[in-house]
Structures are given as structure tokens and as C-alpha cells.
């Protein structure tokens, strides 16, 4: 006979309260997804260097057009606050000092993936699509490609374009053009 159990789902406020009282420690690498606290993978050097490189490239290319946030939360709703590798959000002089960006303030997100590729595709992409985030890039470190997901409808992205070294990534709304090879230099 199967026993059914119910999970206790946490809100963003409860998640922060756990950090305030020491249940979650400052060094814990976790994020809140659909009310569940999920462990994040350790960041390997290659992954970190690609995130840093992308951050620098985007800061240069999008200066005063967008805010580039590295590995900081996006508040999707009351139960989800993921930490994408990079968030490209609306430019405000306050730089999100009083709240994390919300989906309507996000131009696009970037996840850099090696060991996290399946988690990013199966857990984070649907979350981002449900939130209506227009575009997500997954930088696939194993294949040296960038998967560009667009057109979110009913919790899934309808279009996938995989670009390789030599191809150019574009985000028209910001006038962004970036050759894929620059990411891996």
C-alpha cells in the first residue's frame, strides 16, 4: 500500500527568514524553485571563467542599456527565486537595490551548463517559460554551443536555435550582436 505524503513548500519570505535565523547559512549554495530548496552544483573553473567572460562582454556591449547581474536571484513569483548565471534586465539607476528583477523586467537569462545541463533544460527552462521570460540562452560547455530558447507559451519555449562557433547571437531589442566564439575565448 502506497503512502502519500505532502511536501511543505516554502515562500520567498520563508526562504529569507530561514537565512536570517541561520537555518540556511551564507555559504549554502541553494535556490528556491517551486517552493522547494534545491542544492546548486559547485562552480568549476571553466564554468566560472565563461560566466566572467560573458559578464564582461555584455557589460561592454550593453553599457547603460541593461543591467547585467551575475549569479543573483530573479523573483519569479512567491515560490521561486532561481539564480541564473546571468540576468540581463531593464536598466534602472537604482540597479535593483530594493528588490530582485521580476520576469517583466528581464530581457533574457543565461545559464552556463556543463554538469547542470539536464537540470537547466528540465527544471529551469519550464520555470522561465511559465514566467513569460522571452528568451533564455543555455551555453553548453561540452559542445561549445549556445541554445537560444524563445517564444514561451504554456510553460515551454516553442523555438530553439542552436548556434555554434562562427554564428552570431542577436538580441534585437538591445541591438546586441555577439559571435559565439567570443564566449569561449
C-alpha atoms as a PDB file:
ATOM      1  CA  UNK A   1       0.000   0.000   0.000  1.00  0.00           C
ATOM      2  CA  UNK A   2       1.482   3.344  -1.084  1.00  0.00           C
ATOM      3  CA  UNK A   3       1.622   6.099   1.479  1.00  0.00           C
ATOM      4  CA  UNK A   4       1.000   9.594   0.202  1.00  0.00           C
ATOM      5  CA  UNK A   5       2.933  12.417   1.755  1.00  0.00           C
ATOM      6  CA  UNK A   6       2.647  16.131   1.247  1.00  0.00           C
ATOM      7  CA  UNK A   7       5.605  18.432   0.842  1.00  0.00           C
ATOM      8  CA  UNK A   8       5.889  21.694   2.717  1.00  0.00           C
ATOM      9  CA  UNK A   9       6.511  24.319   0.051  1.00  0.00           C
ATOM     10  CA  UNK A  10       8.316  27.461   1.126  1.00  0.00           C
ATOM     11  CA  UNK A  11       7.582  31.018   0.061  1.00  0.00           C
ATOM     12  CA  UNK A  12      10.298  33.501  -0.818  1.00  0.00           C
ATOM     13  CA  UNK A  13       9.676  35.270   2.518  1.00  0.00           C
ATOM     14  CA  UNK A  14      10.068  32.000   4.470  1.00  0.00           C
ATOM     15  CA  UNK A  15      13.221  31.207   2.487  1.00  0.00           C
ATOM     16  CA  UNK A  16      14.772  34.537   3.533  1.00  0.00           C
ATOM     17  CA  UNK A  17      13.627  34.041   7.121  1.00  0.00           C
ATOM     18  CA  UNK A  18      15.493  30.692   7.183  1.00  0.00           C
ATOM     19  CA  UNK A  19      18.646  32.542   6.161  1.00  0.00           C
ATOM     20  CA  UNK A  20      18.073  35.255   8.783  1.00  0.00           C
ATOM     21  CA  UNK A  21      17.770  32.746  11.645  1.00  0.00           C
ATOM     22  CA  UNK A  22      20.673  30.563  10.472  1.00  0.00           C
ATOM     23  CA  UNK A  23      18.819  27.532   9.102  1.00  0.00           C
ATOM     24  CA  UNK A  24      20.369  28.392   5.749  1.00  0.00           C
ATOM     25  CA  UNK A  25      23.948  29.520   6.121  1.00  0.00           C
ATOM     26  CA  UNK A  26      25.640  32.182   3.978  1.00  0.00           C
ATOM     27  CA  UNK A  27      27.810  29.561   2.258  1.00  0.00           C
ATOM     28  CA  UNK A  28      24.896  27.309   1.305  1.00  0.00           C
ATOM     29  CA  UNK A  29      24.539  27.171  -2.476  1.00  0.00           C
ATOM     30  CA  UNK A  30      20.780  26.789  -2.806  1.00  0.00           C
ATOM     31  CA  UNK A  31      17.920  28.317  -4.750  1.00  0.00           C
ATOM     32  CA  UNK A  32      14.151  28.269  -4.343  1.00  0.00           C
ATOM     33  CA  UNK A  33      12.272  26.592  -7.208  1.00  0.00           C
ATOM     34  CA  UNK A  34       8.517  25.952  -6.986  1.00  0.00           C
ATOM     35  CA  UNK A  35       8.680  26.192  -3.188  1.00  0.00           C
ATOM     36  CA  UNK A  36      11.488  23.644  -2.852  1.00  0.00           C
ATOM     37  CA  UNK A  37      15.001  24.484  -1.730  1.00  0.00           C
ATOM     38  CA  UNK A  38      17.347  22.900  -4.260  1.00  0.00           C
ATOM     39  CA  UNK A  39      21.099  22.497  -3.928  1.00  0.00           C
ATOM     40  CA  UNK A  40      23.149  24.151  -6.637  1.00  0.00           C
ATOM     41  CA  UNK A  41      26.151  22.426  -8.173  1.00  0.00           C
ATOM     42  CA  UNK A  42      29.643  23.600  -7.284  1.00  0.00           C
ATOM     43  CA  UNK A  43      31.084  26.010  -9.845  1.00  0.00           C
ATOM     44  CA  UNK A  44      34.070  24.573 -11.701  1.00  0.00           C
ATOM     45  CA  UNK A  45      36.803  26.895 -13.001  1.00  0.00           C
ATOM     46  CA  UNK A  46      35.881  26.607 -16.688  1.00  0.00           C
ATOM     47  CA  UNK A  47      32.244  27.396 -15.888  1.00  0.00           C
ATOM     48  CA  UNK A  48      33.250  30.387 -13.742  1.00  0.00           C
ATOM     49  CA  UNK A  49      35.609  31.733 -16.404  1.00  0.00           C
ATOM     50  CA  UNK A  50      32.885  31.562 -19.087  1.00  0.00           C
ATOM     51  CA  UNK A  51      30.404  33.350 -16.804  1.00  0.00           C
ATOM     52  CA  UNK A  52      33.017  36.030 -16.061  1.00  0.00           C
ATOM     53  CA  UNK A  53      33.871  36.407 -19.763  1.00  0.00           C
ATOM     54  CA  UNK A  54      30.218  36.700 -20.755  1.00  0.00           C
ATOM     55  CA  UNK A  55      29.612  39.194 -17.959  1.00  0.00           C
ATOM     56  CA  UNK A  56      32.499  41.379 -19.167  1.00  0.00           C
ATOM     57  CA  UNK A  57      31.418  41.144 -22.822  1.00  0.00           C
ATOM     58  CA  UNK A  58      27.818  42.055 -22.020  1.00  0.00           C
ATOM     59  CA  UNK A  59      28.841  44.925 -19.724  1.00  0.00           C
ATOM     60  CA  UNK A  60      30.853  46.378 -22.607  1.00  0.00           C
ATOM     61  CA  UNK A  61      28.196  45.775 -25.277  1.00  0.00           C
ATOM     62  CA  UNK A  62      25.159  46.834 -23.238  1.00  0.00           C
ATOM     63  CA  UNK A  63      26.555  49.686 -21.148  1.00  0.00           C
ATOM     64  CA  UNK A  64      23.651  51.847 -19.916  1.00  0.00           C
ATOM     65  CA  UNK A  65      21.163  49.791 -21.973  1.00  0.00           C
ATOM     66  CA  UNK A  66      20.698  46.975 -19.454  1.00  0.00           C
ATOM     67  CA  UNK A  67      21.796  45.774 -16.036  1.00  0.00           C
ATOM     68  CA  UNK A  68      23.957  42.639 -16.163  1.00  0.00           C
ATOM     69  CA  UNK A  69      23.595  40.634 -12.948  1.00  0.00           C
ATOM     70  CA  UNK A  70      25.855  37.674 -12.261  1.00  0.00           C
ATOM     71  CA  UNK A  71      24.539  34.717 -10.281  1.00  0.00           C
ATOM     72  CA  UNK A  72      21.919  36.780  -8.448  1.00  0.00           C
ATOM     73  CA  UNK A  73      18.239  35.975  -7.883  1.00  0.00           C
ATOM     74  CA  UNK A  74      15.298  36.702 -10.118  1.00  0.00           C
ATOM     75  CA  UNK A  75      11.995  36.682  -8.229  1.00  0.00           C
ATOM     76  CA  UNK A  76       9.677  34.696 -10.478  1.00  0.00           C
ATOM     77  CA  UNK A  77       6.775  34.544  -8.022  1.00  0.00           C
ATOM     78  CA  UNK A  78       6.078  33.863  -4.327  1.00  0.00           C
ATOM     79  CA  UNK A  79       7.577  30.352  -4.567  1.00  0.00           C
ATOM     80  CA  UNK A  80      10.500  30.650  -6.978  1.00  0.00           C
ATOM     81  CA  UNK A  81      13.677  32.663  -6.859  1.00  0.00           C
ATOM     82  CA  UNK A  82      16.252  30.975  -9.108  1.00  0.00           C
ATOM     83  CA  UNK A  83      19.778  32.271  -9.561  1.00  0.00           C
ATOM     84  CA  UNK A  84      20.651  32.184 -13.262  1.00  0.00           C
ATOM     85  CA  UNK A  85      24.297  32.611 -14.197  1.00  0.00           C
ATOM     86  CA  UNK A  86      23.488  35.937 -15.861  1.00  0.00           C
ATOM     87  CA  UNK A  87      20.392  38.098 -15.924  1.00  0.00           C
ATOM     88  CA  UNK A  88      20.076  40.862 -18.492  1.00  0.00           C
ATOM     89  CA  UNK A  89      17.465  43.185 -17.014  1.00  0.00           C
ATOM     90  CA  UNK A  90      15.973  46.611 -17.620  1.00  0.00           C
ATOM     91  CA  UNK A  91      18.328  49.449 -16.850  1.00  0.00           C
ATOM     92  CA  UNK A  92      17.457  51.372 -13.704  1.00  0.00           C
ATOM     93  CA  UNK A  93      19.760  53.764 -11.880  1.00  0.00           C
ATOM     94  CA  UNK A  94      18.849  52.044  -8.578  1.00  0.00           C
ATOM     95  CA  UNK A  95      20.233  48.774 -10.026  1.00  0.00           C
ATOM     96  CA  UNK A  96      17.631  46.631  -8.215  1.00  0.00           C
ATOM     97  CA  UNK A  97      18.761  47.784  -4.782  1.00  0.00           C
ATOM     98  CA  UNK A  98      15.305  47.267  -3.218  1.00  0.00           C
ATOM     99  CA  UNK A  99      14.083  44.134  -4.995  1.00  0.00           C
ATOM    100  CA  UNK A 100      15.362  41.496  -7.370  1.00  0.00           C
ATOM    101  CA  UNK A 101      14.267  41.740 -11.006  1.00  0.00           C
ATOM    102  CA  UNK A 102      10.887  40.241 -11.814  1.00  0.00           C
ATOM    103  CA  UNK A 103      10.087  38.441 -15.083  1.00  0.00           C
ATOM    104  CA  UNK A 104       8.645  41.548 -16.749  1.00  0.00           C
ATOM    105  CA  UNK A 105      11.947  43.357 -16.098  1.00  0.00           C
ATOM    106  CA  UNK A 106      14.121  40.640 -17.656  1.00  0.00           C
ATOM    107  CA  UNK A 107      15.251  40.910 -21.273  1.00  0.00           C
ATOM    108  CA  UNK A 108      16.863  37.465 -21.237  1.00  0.00           C
ATOM    109  CA  UNK A 109      18.641  34.991 -18.970  1.00  0.00           C
ATOM    110  CA  UNK A 110      21.792  32.951 -19.479  1.00  0.00           C
ATOM    111  CA  UNK A 111      22.559  29.606 -17.901  1.00  0.00           C
ATOM    112  CA  UNK A 112      26.076  28.238 -18.386  1.00  0.00           C
ATOM    113  CA  UNK A 113      25.884  24.460 -18.268  1.00  0.00           C
ATOM    114  CA  UNK A 114      28.194  21.522 -18.049  1.00  0.00           C
ATOM    115  CA  UNK A 115      27.067  19.171 -15.277  1.00  0.00           C
ATOM    116  CA  UNK A 116      23.820  21.172 -14.881  1.00  0.00           C
ATOM    117  CA  UNK A 117      22.638  20.844 -18.488  1.00  0.00           C
ATOM    118  CA  UNK A 118      19.735  18.484 -17.761  1.00  0.00           C
ATOM    119  CA  UNK A 119      18.628  20.452 -14.686  1.00  0.00           C
ATOM    120  CA  UNK A 120      18.678  23.672 -16.698  1.00  0.00           C
ATOM    121  CA  UNK A 121      16.637  22.122 -19.511  1.00  0.00           C
ATOM    122  CA  UNK A 122      14.156  20.141 -17.405  1.00  0.00           C
ATOM    123  CA  UNK A 123      13.656  22.341 -14.332  1.00  0.00           C
ATOM    124  CA  UNK A 124      14.730  25.904 -15.054  1.00  0.00           C
ATOM    125  CA  UNK A 125      13.572  26.314 -18.669  1.00  0.00           C
ATOM    126  CA  UNK A 126       9.939  25.439 -17.898  1.00  0.00           C
ATOM    127  CA  UNK A 127      10.050  27.773 -14.886  1.00  0.00           C
ATOM    128  CA  UNK A 128      11.324  30.621 -17.058  1.00  0.00           C
ATOM    129  CA  UNK A 129       8.786  29.856 -19.798  1.00  0.00           C
ATOM    130  CA  UNK A 130       5.900  29.777 -17.279  1.00  0.00           C
ATOM    131  CA  UNK A 131       7.057  33.188 -16.051  1.00  0.00           C
ATOM    132  CA  UNK A 132       6.981  34.537 -19.605  1.00  0.00           C
ATOM    133  CA  UNK A 133      10.690  35.339 -19.849  1.00  0.00           C
ATOM    134  CA  UNK A 134      11.064  35.984 -23.572  1.00  0.00           C
ATOM    135  CA  UNK A 135      14.461  34.433 -24.134  1.00  0.00           C
ATOM    136  CA  UNK A 136      16.911  32.089 -22.418  1.00  0.00           C
ATOM    137  CA  UNK A 137      20.391  31.143 -23.583  1.00  0.00           C
ATOM    138  CA  UNK A 138      21.986  27.924 -22.402  1.00  0.00           C
ATOM    139  CA  UNK A 139      25.721  27.997 -23.001  1.00  0.00           C
ATOM    140  CA  UNK A 140      26.596  24.329 -23.479  1.00  0.00           C
ATOM    141  CA  UNK A 141      30.198  23.987 -22.333  1.00  0.00           C
ATOM    142  CA  UNK A 142      30.561  20.414 -23.592  1.00  0.00           C
ATOM    143  CA  UNK A 143      29.612  21.218 -27.197  1.00  0.00           C
ATOM    144  CA  UNK A 144      30.773  24.861 -27.335  1.00  0.00           C
ATOM    145  CA  UNK A 145      27.297  25.867 -28.497  1.00  0.00           C
ATOM    146  CA  UNK A 146      24.591  28.241 -27.315  1.00  0.00           C
ATOM    147  CA  UNK A 147      20.986  27.065 -27.239  1.00  0.00           C
ATOM    148  CA  UNK A 148      18.635  30.029 -27.678  1.00  0.00           C
ATOM    149  CA  UNK A 149      15.088  29.400 -26.426  1.00  0.00           C
ATOM    150  CA  UNK A 150      12.341  31.853 -27.440  1.00  0.00           C
ATOM    151  CA  UNK A 151       8.582  32.216 -27.738  1.00  0.00           C
ATOM    152  CA  UNK A 152       7.340  30.915 -24.357  1.00  0.00           C
ATOM    153  CA  UNK A 153       3.796  29.533 -24.476  1.00  0.00           C
ATOM    154  CA  UNK A 154       2.062  27.469 -21.774  1.00  0.00           C
ATOM    155  CA  UNK A 155       5.227  26.681 -19.833  1.00  0.00           C
ATOM    156  CA  UNK A 156       7.509  25.757 -22.705  1.00  0.00           C
ATOM    157  CA  UNK A 157       9.607  27.506 -25.287  1.00  0.00           C
ATOM    158  CA  UNK A 158       8.322  26.959 -28.805  1.00  0.00           C
ATOM    159  CA  UNK A 159      11.554  27.784 -30.609  1.00  0.00           C
ATOM    160  CA  UNK A 160      15.089  26.508 -30.146  1.00  0.00           C
ATOM    161  CA  UNK A 161      18.001  27.733 -32.202  1.00  0.00           C
ATOM    162  CA  UNK A 162      21.400  26.146 -31.519  1.00  0.00           C
ATOM    163  CA  UNK A 163      24.343  28.318 -32.518  1.00  0.00           C
ATOM    164  CA  UNK A 164      27.962  27.218 -32.827  1.00  0.00           C
ATOM    165  CA  UNK A 165      31.288  28.999 -33.048  1.00  0.00           C
ATOM    166  CA  UNK A 166      31.148  31.307 -36.054  1.00  0.00           C
ATOM    167  CA  UNK A 167      27.428  32.045 -35.611  1.00  0.00           C
ATOM    168  CA  UNK A 168      26.205  35.372 -34.235  1.00  0.00           C
ATOM    169  CA  UNK A 169      23.882  35.690 -31.234  1.00  0.00           C
ATOM    170  CA  UNK A 170      21.454  38.581 -31.557  1.00  0.00           C
ATOM    171  CA  UNK A 171      19.044  40.285 -29.216  1.00  0.00           C
ATOM    172  CA  UNK A 172      17.348  42.915 -31.377  1.00  0.00           C
ATOM    173  CA  UNK A 173      15.624  44.746 -28.522  1.00  0.00           C
ATOM    174  CA  UNK A 174      19.027  45.854 -27.244  1.00  0.00           C
ATOM    175  CA  UNK A 175      20.927  45.932 -30.540  1.00  0.00           C
ATOM    176  CA  UNK A 176      23.149  43.127 -29.249  1.00  0.00           C
ATOM    177  CA  UNK A 177      25.321  41.054 -31.576  1.00  0.00           C
ATOM    178  CA  UNK A 178      27.843  38.605 -30.155  1.00  0.00           C
ATOM    179  CA  UNK A 179      29.801  35.945 -32.022  1.00  0.00           C
ATOM    180  CA  UNK A 180      29.558  32.613 -30.184  1.00  0.00           C
ATOM    181  CA  UNK A 181      33.338  32.090 -30.323  1.00  0.00           C
ATOM    182  CA  UNK A 182      33.878  35.215 -28.184  1.00  0.00           C
ATOM    183  CA  UNK A 183      32.199  33.430 -25.298  1.00  0.00           C
ATOM    184  CA  UNK A 184      34.796  30.656 -25.315  1.00  0.00           C
ATOM    185  CA  UNK A 185      37.935  32.812 -25.790  1.00  0.00           C
END
